[in-house]
Amino acid sequence: MRYLTLAPDPGTSGAERIGVLLINSGTPEAPEPRAVRAFLARFLSDPRVVELPRALWLPLLWGVILPFRPLRVARKYRNIWSNSGSPLRDLSVRLGSQLDSMLAQRVLAPLTVEVGMLYSAPDLPHALRKLYTSGARRILVVPLFPQYCGATTGAAFDQVSAELRRWRALPELHFVSDYHDHPGYIEALRASITEHWDKHGRRGHLLMSFHGIPEHYVKNGDPYYAQCQTTARLLADELMLRESEWIVGFQSRFGPKDWLRPYTSAVLKAMPGRGIRDVNVVCPGFAVDCLETLEEIAIENREIFMRAGGERYDYIPSLNARADHARFMSELITQQGWTGERSTLLAKATDSTSP
């Protein structure tokens, strides 16, 4: 195997730099069937995402799913596409820029933030290489998945490892596996919800909808379900909600197998029959808004609720590029120790530029 030797960018200074890599899942390049097909092919081919034998799954993927599903999914993307392109990519990059600015005010050592996607551009290998060539010899990896799941955070670790296996010289690496119960994360969620209530009125039931996964992932040891429940409980406590005022649901089911229950769509369909005709929906497992929140939750599930007899349905946006989200992320990063040791890092930066 030939290893990559990455040369420093001539435009960078000689000071040791810290790199922060934010990772999200990815998005099609355009809301068109061909682009959606290319994205889904990468996404659904990952063994972390679909844990089926390759000999069984790949013929099904290429022969049944990819010829037909992209057309339907492309229509959904058209409903949420903006002048800035894909909301997930736009909001992830904007969050990265906010975070870069905040960390520059808190950290004395040179620092660079890059965003990498698992299944689309800007791809993760490119982001890692940009960090290294900028002078980063210590890289902190932060997947934008609050609750750990093998299909998301595990996939991020796999791809980082696969890229670094190709490098001759390796950086020091630190990996954040989750932040589902971090006080700063819960506080940012609380502030987002209370701001919505202050603006639109505090009324109705709160549904916390998380992305679903197959039940057998959890039975085989994935901590995702337990971490979702912990996040929900902490958030409900911060909002001072009674048990009768909130519920957890799981969305985005794919395929015939049983996924985590209760299903968000089923919860919403049943609510009016139980006398709940006013609901607020928040998605605490999504760092930024994407197809699953803006189309599935804000449009499709709203229709399900209203057709069942609901009267008011409010989707509360993800944290996105809010200042308190970036502030929490900066706290999470500095608490890892690398960027919080201001005097130590300043000394290292100074020493590296000394003759």
Protein backbone atom coordinates (compact mmCIF):
# COMPACT_ATOMS: atom_id res chain seq x y z
CA MET A 1 0.00 0.00 0.00
CA ARG A 2 1.25 3.49 -0.87
CA TYR A 3 0.75 5.96 1.97
CA LEU A 4 -0.20 9.60 1.53
CA THR A 5 2.35 12.22 2.52
CA LEU A 6 0.50 15.48 3.08
CA ALA A 7 2.52 18.66 2.68
CA PRO A 8 1.68 21.78 4.71
CA ASP A 9 -0.12 24.54 2.89
CA PRO A 10 2.47 27.24 2.04
CA GLY A 11 0.04 29.89 3.24
CA THR A 12 -0.12 28.59 6.82
CA SER A 13 2.10 29.77 9.65
CA GLY A 14 4.51 27.51 11.45
CA ALA A 15 2.51 27.53 14.70
CA GLU A 16 0.96 24.25 15.77
CA ARG A 17 -2.72 24.31 14.94
CA ILE A 18 -5.66 22.47 16.46
CA GLY A 19 -8.22 21.07 14.03
CA VAL A 20 -11.91 20.53 14.74
CA LEU A 21 -13.78 18.25 12.36
CA LEU A 22 -17.58 18.48 12.47
CA ILE A 23 -19.25 15.50 10.77
CA ASN A 24 -22.78 15.19 9.42
CA SER A 25 -24.43 12.53 7.27
CA GLY A 26 -24.67 14.26 3.90
CA THR A 27 -27.12 15.25 1.22
CA PRO A 28 -27.73 14.94 -2.53
CA GLU A 29 -26.02 17.53 -4.71
CA ALA A 30 -29.39 18.52 -6.20
CA PRO A 31 -33.07 17.67 -5.69
CA GLU A 32 -33.04 15.51 -8.82
CA PRO A 33 -33.39 11.72 -9.16
CA ARG A 34 -29.86 11.16 -10.48
CA ALA A 35 -28.24 13.08 -7.62
CA VAL A 36 -30.51 11.44 -5.06
CA ARG A 37 -29.67 8.01 -6.48
CA ALA A 38 -25.93 8.69 -6.15
CA PHE A 39 -26.38 9.81 -2.54
CA LEU A 40 -28.60 6.89 -1.57
CA ALA A 41 -26.20 4.43 -3.21
CA ARG A 42 -23.36 5.64 -0.95
CA PHE A 43 -25.54 5.92 2.14
CA LEU A 44 -27.38 2.61 1.91
CA SER A 45 -24.26 0.67 0.87
CA ASP A 46 -22.63 1.35 4.24
CA PRO A 47 -22.72 -1.82 6.39
CA ARG A 48 -23.11 0.43 9.43
CA VAL A 49 -26.40 1.74 8.07
CA VAL A 50 -27.90 -1.55 6.88
CA GLU A 51 -26.67 -4.53 8.86
CA LEU A 52 -27.58 -7.25 6.42
CA PRO A 53 -25.28 -9.69 4.62
CA ARG A 54 -23.91 -7.94 1.53
CA ALA A 55 -24.89 -10.86 -0.71
CA LEU A 56 -28.50 -10.38 0.35
CA TRP A 57 -28.68 -6.60 0.62
CA LEU A 58 -26.73 -5.27 -2.37
CA PRO A 59 -28.83 -7.03 -5.07
CA LEU A 60 -31.95 -5.70 -3.34
CA LEU A 61 -30.48 -2.21 -3.12
CA TRP A 62 -29.34 -2.01 -6.75
CA GLY A 63 -32.15 -4.04 -8.29
CA VAL A 64 -35.22 -2.87 -6.36
CA ILE A 65 -34.58 0.26 -4.27
CA LEU A 66 -32.29 2.47 -6.35
CA PRO A 67 -34.25 2.16 -9.62
CA PHE A 68 -37.44 3.52 -8.01
CA ARG A 69 -36.92 5.26 -4.66
CA PRO A 70 -34.82 8.24 -5.89
CA LEU A 71 -37.73 9.68 -7.91
CA ARG A 72 -39.97 9.79 -4.84
CA VAL A 73 -37.24 11.10 -2.56
CA ALA A 74 -36.25 13.80 -5.07
CA ARG A 75 -39.79 15.20 -4.87
CA LYS A 76 -39.42 15.48 -1.12
CA TYR A 77 -36.09 17.30 -1.45
CA ARG A 78 -37.67 19.80 -3.83
CA ASN A 79 -40.10 20.74 -1.06
CA ILE A 80 -37.27 21.91 1.21
CA TRP A 81 -34.50 23.01 -1.19
CA SER A 82 -33.57 26.67 -0.83
CA ASN A 83 -31.53 29.25 -2.71
CA SER A 84 -28.59 28.11 -0.55
CA GLY A 85 -29.08 24.52 -1.66
CA SER A 86 -29.47 21.65 0.76
CA PRO A 87 -30.55 22.83 4.23
CA LEU A 88 -28.42 20.17 5.95
CA ARG A 89 -25.22 21.23 4.22
CA ASP A 90 -25.95 24.95 4.43
CA LEU A 91 -26.81 24.84 8.13
CA SER A 92 -23.88 22.54 8.99
CA VAL A 93 -21.44 24.92 7.29
CA ARG A 94 -23.02 27.94 8.96
CA LEU A 95 -22.76 26.23 12.35
CA GLY A 96 -19.10 25.50 11.61
CA SER A 97 -18.47 29.17 10.80
CA GLN A 98 -20.21 30.30 13.99
CA LEU A 99 -18.17 27.82 15.98
CA ASP A 100 -14.92 28.91 14.33
CA SER A 101 -15.60 32.53 15.34
CA MET A 102 -16.49 31.64 18.93
CA LEU A 103 -13.48 29.39 19.42
CA ALA A 104 -11.19 32.10 18.02
CA GLN A 105 -12.31 34.30 20.93
CA ARG A 106 -11.85 31.58 23.56
CA VAL A 107 -8.66 29.81 22.45
CA LEU A 108 -5.21 31.33 22.14
CA ALA A 109 -3.70 28.59 19.97
CA PRO A 110 -4.36 28.68 16.21
CA LEU A 111 -7.47 26.63 15.42
CA THR A 112 -9.33 25.57 12.28
CA VAL A 113 -12.87 24.17 11.97
CA GLU A 114 -13.87 22.06 8.97
CA VAL A 115 -17.14 20.30 8.10
CA GLY A 116 -17.07 16.85 6.52
CA MET A 117 -19.96 14.72 5.26
CA LEU A 118 -20.15 10.93 5.39
CA TYR A 119 -21.88 10.40 2.06
CA SER A 120 -21.55 13.62 0.04
CA ALA A 121 -19.47 16.73 -0.50
CA PRO A 122 -17.67 18.24 1.30
CA ASP A 123 -16.54 14.72 2.05
CA LEU A 124 -14.81 13.64 5.21
CA PRO A 125 -11.41 12.66 3.71
CA HIS A 126 -11.12 16.07 2.04
CA ALA A 127 -11.96 17.86 5.31
CA LEU A 128 -9.38 15.82 7.24
CA ARG A 129 -6.70 16.58 4.68
CA LYS A 130 -7.52 20.29 4.76
CA LEU A 131 -7.06 20.29 8.52
CA TYR A 132 -3.72 18.50 8.32
CA THR A 133 -2.31 20.67 5.53
CA SER A 134 -3.41 23.77 7.46
CA GLY A 135 -0.99 22.70 10.20
CA ALA A 136 -3.33 20.81 12.51
CA ARG A 137 -1.43 18.07 14.30
CA ARG A 138 -4.12 17.59 16.94
CA ILE A 139 -7.59 16.89 15.53
CA LEU A 140 -10.79 16.73 17.53
CA VAL A 141 -13.59 14.83 15.75
CA VAL A 142 -17.14 15.86 16.66
CA PRO A 143 -19.96 13.98 14.89
CA LEU A 144 -23.11 16.14 14.89
CA PHE A 145 -25.18 13.26 16.29
CA PRO A 146 -26.12 14.03 19.91
CA GLN A 147 -27.04 10.43 20.73
CA TYR A 148 -24.56 7.70 19.85
CA CYS A 149 -25.69 5.19 17.23
CA GLY A 150 -23.59 2.70 15.30
CA ALA A 151 -25.30 3.76 12.07
CA THR A 152 -24.20 7.40 12.48
CA THR A 153 -21.40 7.96 15.00
CA GLY A 154 -20.02 4.48 14.33
CA ALA A 155 -19.98 5.23 10.61
CA ALA A 156 -18.12 8.48 11.30
CA PHE A 157 -15.45 6.63 13.27
CA ASP A 158 -15.11 4.05 10.48
CA GLN A 159 -14.57 6.71 7.83
CA VAL A 160 -12.08 8.70 9.89
CA SER A 161 -10.12 5.51 10.58
CA ALA A 162 -10.25 4.45 6.92
CA GLU A 163 -8.83 7.80 5.80
CA LEU A 164 -6.10 7.90 8.43
CA ARG A 165 -4.99 4.37 7.52
CA ARG A 166 -3.81 5.89 4.23
CA TRP A 167 -1.62 8.57 5.85
CA ARG A 168 2.09 8.17 6.50
CA ALA A 169 2.23 10.73 9.34
CA LEU A 170 -0.72 10.68 11.75
CA PRO A 171 -2.13 13.47 13.92
CA GLU A 172 -3.06 13.11 17.57
CA LEU A 173 -6.77 12.33 17.54
CA HIS A 174 -9.67 12.71 19.95
CA PHE A 175 -13.18 11.49 19.15
CA VAL A 176 -16.40 12.73 20.83
CA SER A 177 -18.83 9.82 20.80
CA ASP A 178 -21.96 11.66 22.00
CA TYR A 179 -23.30 14.62 23.97
CA HIS A 180 -26.85 13.45 24.66
CA ASP A 181 -26.88 14.52 28.32
CA HIS A 182 -24.52 17.50 28.22
CA PRO A 183 -26.05 20.37 30.26
CA GLY A 184 -25.19 22.88 27.54
CA TYR A 185 -26.99 20.84 24.90
CA ILE A 186 -30.10 20.41 27.07
CA GLU A 187 -30.07 24.13 27.88
CA ALA A 188 -29.84 25.09 24.20
CA LEU A 189 -32.83 22.85 23.44
CA ARG A 190 -34.77 24.33 26.36
CA ALA A 191 -34.03 27.88 25.21
CA SER A 192 -35.12 27.08 21.64
CA ILE A 193 -38.44 25.63 22.79
CA THR A 194 -39.21 28.38 25.30
CA GLU A 195 -38.45 31.03 22.68
CA HIS A 196 -40.97 29.35 20.39
CA TRP A 197 -43.53 29.27 23.18
CA ASP A 198 -42.88 32.92 24.05
CA LYS A 199 -43.54 33.86 20.43
CA HIS A 200 -46.45 31.53 19.62
CA GLY A 201 -47.91 30.74 23.02
CA ARG A 202 -47.26 27.82 25.35
CA ARG A 203 -50.03 25.37 24.68
CA GLY A 204 -50.56 21.81 23.60
CA HIS A 205 -48.57 18.59 23.93
CA LEU A 206 -44.81 18.29 23.27
CA LEU A 207 -43.73 15.39 21.05
CA MET A 208 -39.98 14.72 20.97
CA SER A 209 -39.29 12.82 17.75
CA PHE A 210 -35.99 10.98 17.27
CA HIS A 211 -34.75 9.16 14.17
CA GLY A 212 -35.62 5.50 14.44
CA ILE A 213 -33.37 2.47 14.06
CA PRO A 214 -34.21 -1.25 13.80
CA GLU A 215 -35.03 -2.76 17.19
CA HIS A 216 -32.42 -5.48 16.81
CA TYR A 217 -29.64 -2.85 16.75
CA VAL A 218 -30.57 -1.98 20.33
CA LYS A 219 -30.97 -5.64 21.32
CA ASN A 220 -27.43 -6.20 20.04
CA GLY A 221 -26.03 -3.48 22.31
CA ASP A 222 -26.50 -0.10 20.62
CA PRO A 223 -27.03 2.54 23.37
CA TYR A 224 -29.06 4.83 21.11
CA TYR A 225 -32.53 4.13 22.55
CA ALA A 226 -31.40 4.66 26.15
CA GLN A 227 -29.62 7.91 25.23
CA CYS A 228 -32.72 9.23 23.43
CA GLN A 229 -34.80 8.53 26.53
CA THR A 230 -32.24 10.28 28.72
CA THR A 231 -32.24 13.36 26.49
CA ALA A 232 -36.03 13.48 26.51
CA ARG A 233 -36.26 13.11 30.28
CA LEU A 234 -33.66 15.80 30.95
CA LEU A 235 -35.34 18.19 28.53
CA ALA A 236 -38.80 17.56 30.00
CA ASP A 237 -37.42 18.24 33.47
CA GLU A 238 -35.80 21.49 32.33
CA LEU A 239 -39.11 22.57 30.78
CA MET A 240 -40.93 21.53 34.00
CA LEU A 241 -43.37 19.37 32.06
CA ARG A 242 -45.71 16.88 33.70
CA GLU A 243 -45.73 13.29 32.45
CA SER A 244 -49.03 13.93 30.65
CA GLU A 245 -47.57 16.85 28.70
CA TRP A 246 -44.89 15.13 26.63
CA ILE A 247 -44.09 11.93 24.76
CA VAL A 248 -41.25 10.39 22.73
CA GLY A 249 -41.65 9.04 19.20
CA PHE A 250 -39.36 7.55 16.55
CA GLN A 251 -39.53 8.46 12.87
CA SER A 252 -38.10 7.61 9.44
CA ARG A 253 -38.79 3.88 9.49
CA PHE A 254 -37.40 2.10 6.44
CA GLY A 255 -38.09 -1.51 5.43
CA PRO A 256 -40.35 -4.24 6.84
CA LYS A 257 -38.52 -4.97 10.12
CA ASP A 258 -39.65 -3.63 13.48
CA TRP A 259 -38.07 -0.30 14.39
CA LEU A 260 -38.04 1.56 17.69
CA ARG A 261 -41.52 2.37 18.94
CA PRO A 262 -43.75 4.24 19.26
CA TYR A 263 -43.68 5.46 15.67
CA THR A 264 -44.04 9.24 15.47
CA SER A 265 -46.66 9.06 12.72
CA ALA A 266 -48.78 6.62 14.77
CA VAL A 267 -48.52 8.82 17.86
CA LEU A 268 -49.70 11.87 15.91
CA LYS A 269 -52.54 9.99 14.24
CA ALA A 270 -53.85 8.82 17.61
CA MET A 271 -53.55 12.14 19.45
CA PRO A 272 -56.82 13.82 18.33
CA GLY A 273 -58.77 10.72 19.35
CA ARG A 274 -57.30 11.13 22.86
CA GLY A 275 -58.37 14.76 22.96
CA ILE A 276 -54.97 16.23 22.04
CA ARG A 277 -55.60 18.61 19.14
CA ASP A 278 -52.68 20.97 19.69
CA VAL A 279 -49.13 19.65 19.41
CA ASN A 280 -45.58 20.98 19.31
CA VAL A 281 -42.96 18.72 17.72
CA VAL A 282 -39.22 19.00 18.32
CA CYS A 283 -36.44 16.70 17.03
CA PRO A 284 -33.64 16.62 19.67
CA GLY A 285 -31.60 14.07 17.74
CA PHE A 286 -30.94 16.36 14.76
CA ALA A 287 -28.27 19.04 15.16
CA VAL A 288 -29.51 20.87 12.05
CA ASP A 289 -32.66 20.69 9.97
CA CYS A 290 -32.76 18.29 7.04
CA LEU A 291 -35.14 16.20 4.95
CA GLU A 292 -36.30 14.20 7.98
CA THR A 293 -37.31 17.32 9.93
CA LEU A 294 -38.36 19.85 7.30
CA GLU A 295 -40.25 17.45 5.04
CA GLU A 296 -41.13 14.35 7.05
CA ILE A 297 -41.98 16.10 10.33
CA ALA A 298 -42.97 19.64 9.31
CA ILE A 299 -45.00 18.63 6.22
CA GLU A 300 -45.91 14.91 6.08
CA ASN A 301 -46.59 14.36 9.76
CA ARG A 302 -48.45 17.62 10.05
CA GLU A 303 -50.86 16.34 7.40
CA ILE A 304 -51.30 13.08 9.31
CA PHE A 305 -52.16 14.96 12.49
CA MET A 306 -54.51 17.45 10.87
CA ARG A 307 -56.36 14.76 8.89
CA ALA A 308 -56.90 12.85 12.13
CA GLY A 309 -58.68 15.85 13.64
CA GLY A 310 -55.84 18.00 14.94
CA GLU A 311 -56.26 21.77 15.07
CA ARG A 312 -52.78 23.21 15.58
CA TYR A 313 -49.38 21.71 14.72
CA ASP A 314 -46.10 23.54 15.34
CA TYR A 315 -42.71 22.22 14.33
CA ILE A 316 -39.94 23.75 16.46
CA PRO A 317 -36.76 23.96 14.33
CA SER A 318 -33.53 22.19 15.21
CA LEU A 319 -30.79 24.17 16.92
CA ASN A 320 -29.15 24.85 13.52
CA ALA A 321 -26.73 27.79 13.55
CA ARG A 322 -28.22 29.48 16.62
CA ALA A 323 -25.67 31.33 18.74
CA ASP A 324 -26.47 29.19 21.79
CA HIS A 325 -25.87 26.03 19.74
CA ALA A 326 -22.44 27.25 18.65
CA ARG A 327 -21.74 28.39 22.22
CA PHE A 328 -22.54 24.93 23.55
CA MET A 329 -20.38 23.29 20.88
CA SER A 330 -17.48 25.57 21.81
CA GLU A 331 -17.91 24.53 25.46
CA LEU A 332 -18.02 20.86 24.49
CA ILE A 333 -14.80 21.26 22.51
CA THR A 334 -12.88 23.26 25.12
CA GLN A 335 -13.91 20.77 27.81
CA GLN A 336 -12.03 18.02 25.97
CA GLY A 337 -8.83 19.56 27.36
CA TRP A 338 -6.97 20.36 24.18
CA THR A 339 -8.33 23.85 23.69
CA GLY A 340 -9.13 24.68 27.29
CA GLU A 341 -5.50 24.69 28.48
CA ARG A 342 -4.90 28.22 27.31
CA SER A 343 -1.46 28.81 28.85
CA THR A 344 -0.15 25.39 27.80
CA LEU A 345 -1.34 25.76 24.24
CA LEU A 346 -0.02 29.29 23.97
CA ALA A 347 3.38 28.05 25.13
CA LYS A 348 3.31 25.22 22.57
CA ALA A 349 2.35 27.63 19.81
CA THR A 350 5.13 30.02 20.82
CA ASP A 351 7.73 27.24 21.06
CA SER A 352 6.86 25.95 17.59
CA THR A 353 7.63 29.34 16.05
CA SER A 354 10.88 29.90 18.00
CA PRO A 355 14.22 29.49 16.15
